[in-house]
Amino acid sequence: MQNKSIDTSPLVPAGLELKGINEEKIHYLEARIIRLGEICNELNPYQAISDDFKRSLREFNILEFEDPFKITNALLILLEDTIDELHILKPL
């Protein structure tokens, strides 16, 4: 039985490949931060949640709509995590 090694070297130089991926990820995270901010601004815990707003929440895997304060907390955690991830890729 022969022991075959697998070539794990990148096909594209690491710097070029990561730069493109990082730029895409940075744009995605920036757009996500904007969208989460919009949702946070729209949420009024004292009003019923519309079907359109529920669709927006589902985009972020928020599926329980009974407690608006839990929704707010979930949104803020998502926003904070997204900002932290962005700062790792794009330090201030």
C-alpha atoms as a PDB file:
ATOM      1  CA  MET A   1       0.000   0.000   0.000  1.00  0.00           C
ATOM      2  CA  GLN A   2       1.505   3.276  -1.128  1.00  0.00           C
ATOM      3  CA  ASN A   3       1.207   6.456   0.856  1.00  0.00           C
ATOM      4  CA  LYS A   4       0.139   9.154  -1.610  1.00  0.00           C
ATOM      5  CA  SER A   5       0.628  12.754  -0.650  1.00  0.00           C
ATOM      6  CA  ILE A   6      -1.851  15.406  -1.613  1.00  0.00           C
ATOM      7  CA  ASP A   7      -0.633  18.683  -3.050  1.00  0.00           C
ATOM      8  CA  THR A   8      -2.225  21.391  -0.910  1.00  0.00           C
ATOM      9  CA  SER A   9      -0.408  24.337  -2.465  1.00  0.00           C
ATOM     10  CA  PRO A  10      -2.726  27.100  -3.681  1.00  0.00           C
ATOM     11  CA  LEU A  11      -3.408  27.446  -7.397  1.00  0.00           C
ATOM     12  CA  VAL A  12      -3.291  31.220  -7.109  1.00  0.00           C
ATOM     13  CA  PRO A  13      -0.676  33.042  -5.048  1.00  0.00           C
ATOM     14  CA  ALA A  14      -2.048  33.415  -1.520  1.00  0.00           C
ATOM     15  CA  GLY A  15      -1.863  37.207  -1.471  1.00  0.00           C
ATOM     16  CA  LEU A  16      -3.934  37.633  -4.613  1.00  0.00           C
ATOM     17  CA  GLU A  17      -6.536  35.055  -3.672  1.00  0.00           C
ATOM     18  CA  LEU A  18      -7.027  36.367  -0.146  1.00  0.00           C
ATOM     19  CA  LYS A  19      -7.157  39.981  -1.245  1.00  0.00           C
ATOM     20  CA  GLY A  20     -10.131  39.325  -3.528  1.00  0.00           C
ATOM     21  CA  ILE A  21     -11.902  37.209  -0.951  1.00  0.00           C
ATOM     22  CA  ASN A  22     -11.277  39.760   1.792  1.00  0.00           C
ATOM     23  CA  GLU A  23     -12.550  42.627  -0.352  1.00  0.00           C
ATOM     24  CA  GLU A  24     -15.738  40.720  -1.145  1.00  0.00           C
ATOM     25  CA  LYS A  25     -16.179  39.822   2.511  1.00  0.00           C
ATOM     26  CA  ILE A  26     -15.572  43.446   3.559  1.00  0.00           C
ATOM     27  CA  HIS A  27     -18.235  44.700   1.127  1.00  0.00           C
ATOM     28  CA  TYR A  28     -20.645  42.024   2.334  1.00  0.00           C
ATOM     29  CA  LEU A  29     -20.045  42.914   5.990  1.00  0.00           C
ATOM     30  CA  GLU A  30     -20.424  46.648   5.333  1.00  0.00           C
ATOM     31  CA  ALA A  31     -23.741  46.047   3.545  1.00  0.00           C
ATOM     32  CA  ARG A  32     -24.864  43.743   6.364  1.00  0.00           C
ATOM     33  CA  ILE A  33     -24.081  46.431   8.962  1.00  0.00           C
ATOM     34  CA  ILE A  34     -26.119  48.973   7.030  1.00  0.00           C
ATOM     35  CA  ARG A  35     -29.057  46.567   6.678  1.00  0.00           C
ATOM     36  CA  LEU A  36     -28.975  45.559  10.350  1.00  0.00           C
ATOM     37  CA  GLY A  37     -28.874  49.236  11.313  1.00  0.00           C
ATOM     38  CA  GLU A  38     -31.922  49.931   9.148  1.00  0.00           C
ATOM     39  CA  ILE A  39     -33.805  47.047  10.731  1.00  0.00           C
ATOM     40  CA  CYS A  40     -32.867  48.236  14.236  1.00  0.00           C
ATOM     41  CA  ASN A  41     -34.137  51.718  13.398  1.00  0.00           C
ATOM     42  CA  GLU A  42     -37.413  50.360  11.993  1.00  0.00           C
ATOM     43  CA  LEU A  43     -38.206  48.094  14.929  1.00  0.00           C
ATOM     44  CA  ASN A  44     -40.705  49.572  17.358  1.00  0.00           C
ATOM     45  CA  PRO A  45     -41.220  47.186  20.290  1.00  0.00           C
ATOM     46  CA  TYR A  46     -44.607  48.767  21.023  1.00  0.00           C
ATOM     47  CA  GLN A  47     -46.151  48.064  17.622  1.00  0.00           C
ATOM     48  CA  ALA A  48     -47.141  44.851  15.878  1.00  0.00           C
ATOM     49  CA  ILE A  49     -44.535  43.431  13.509  1.00  0.00           C
ATOM     50  CA  SER A  50     -45.609  43.524   9.869  1.00  0.00           C
ATOM     51  CA  ASP A  51     -45.201  40.592   7.484  1.00  0.00           C
ATOM     52  CA  ASP A  52     -42.624  42.570   5.473  1.00  0.00           C
ATOM     53  CA  PHE A  53     -40.614  43.201   8.620  1.00  0.00           C
ATOM     54  CA  LYS A  54     -40.825  39.512   9.539  1.00  0.00           C
ATOM     55  CA  ARG A  55     -39.330  38.695   6.126  1.00  0.00           C
ATOM     56  CA  SER A  56     -36.450  41.046   6.868  1.00  0.00           C
ATOM     57  CA  LEU A  57     -35.875  39.358  10.210  1.00  0.00           C
ATOM     58  CA  ARG A  58     -35.938  35.916   8.610  1.00  0.00           C
ATOM     59  CA  GLU A  59     -33.021  37.003   6.382  1.00  0.00           C
ATOM     60  CA  PHE A  60     -30.978  37.006   9.591  1.00  0.00           C
ATOM     61  CA  ASN A  61     -32.469  33.766  10.909  1.00  0.00           C
ATOM     62  CA  ILE A  62     -34.629  35.515  13.488  1.00  0.00           C
ATOM     63  CA  LEU A  63     -37.728  33.344  13.494  1.00  0.00           C
ATOM     64  CA  GLU A  64     -39.501  34.152  16.760  1.00  0.00           C
ATOM     65  CA  PHE A  65     -41.543  37.333  16.682  1.00  0.00           C
ATOM     66  CA  GLU A  66     -43.401  37.208  19.999  1.00  0.00           C
ATOM     67  CA  ASP A  67     -40.981  39.248  22.126  1.00  0.00           C
ATOM     68  CA  PRO A  68     -39.734  42.443  20.428  1.00  0.00           C
ATOM     69  CA  PHE A  69     -37.103  42.916  23.125  1.00  0.00           C
ATOM     70  CA  LYS A  70     -35.570  39.508  22.301  1.00  0.00           C
ATOM     71  CA  ILE A  71     -35.603  40.548  18.645  1.00  0.00           C
ATOM     72  CA  THR A  72     -33.795  43.765  19.549  1.00  0.00           C
ATOM     73  CA  ASN A  73     -31.180  41.836  21.526  1.00  0.00           C
ATOM     74  CA  ALA A  74     -30.668  39.351  18.683  1.00  0.00           C
ATOM     75  CA  LEU A  75     -30.248  42.203  16.188  1.00  0.00           C
ATOM     76  CA  LEU A  76     -27.738  43.980  18.401  1.00  0.00           C
ATOM     77  CA  ILE A  77     -25.705  40.797  18.870  1.00  0.00           C
ATOM     78  CA  LEU A  78     -25.686  40.229  15.092  1.00  0.00           C
ATOM     79  CA  LEU A  79     -24.660  43.837  14.531  1.00  0.00           C
ATOM     80  CA  GLU A  80     -21.879  43.666  17.101  1.00  0.00           C
ATOM     81  CA  ASP A  81     -20.562  40.359  15.740  1.00  0.00           C
ATOM     82  CA  THR A  82     -20.605  41.721  12.187  1.00  0.00           C
ATOM     83  CA  ILE A  83     -18.754  44.885  13.228  1.00  0.00           C
ATOM     84  CA  ASP A  84     -16.169  42.798  15.083  1.00  0.00           C
ATOM     85  CA  GLU A  85     -15.662  40.585  12.028  1.00  0.00           C
ATOM     86  CA  LEU A  86     -15.276  43.645   9.809  1.00  0.00           C
ATOM     87  CA  HIS A  87     -12.680  45.160  12.142  1.00  0.00           C
ATOM     88  CA  ILE A  88     -10.626  41.967  11.911  1.00  0.00           C
ATOM     89  CA  LEU A  89     -10.504  42.227   8.107  1.00  0.00           C
ATOM     90  CA  LYS A  90     -10.349  46.015   7.960  1.00  0.00           C
ATOM     91  CA  PRO A  91      -8.744  47.458  11.087  1.00  0.00           C
ATOM     92  CA  LEU A  92      -9.423  51.084  11.925  1.00  0.00           C
END
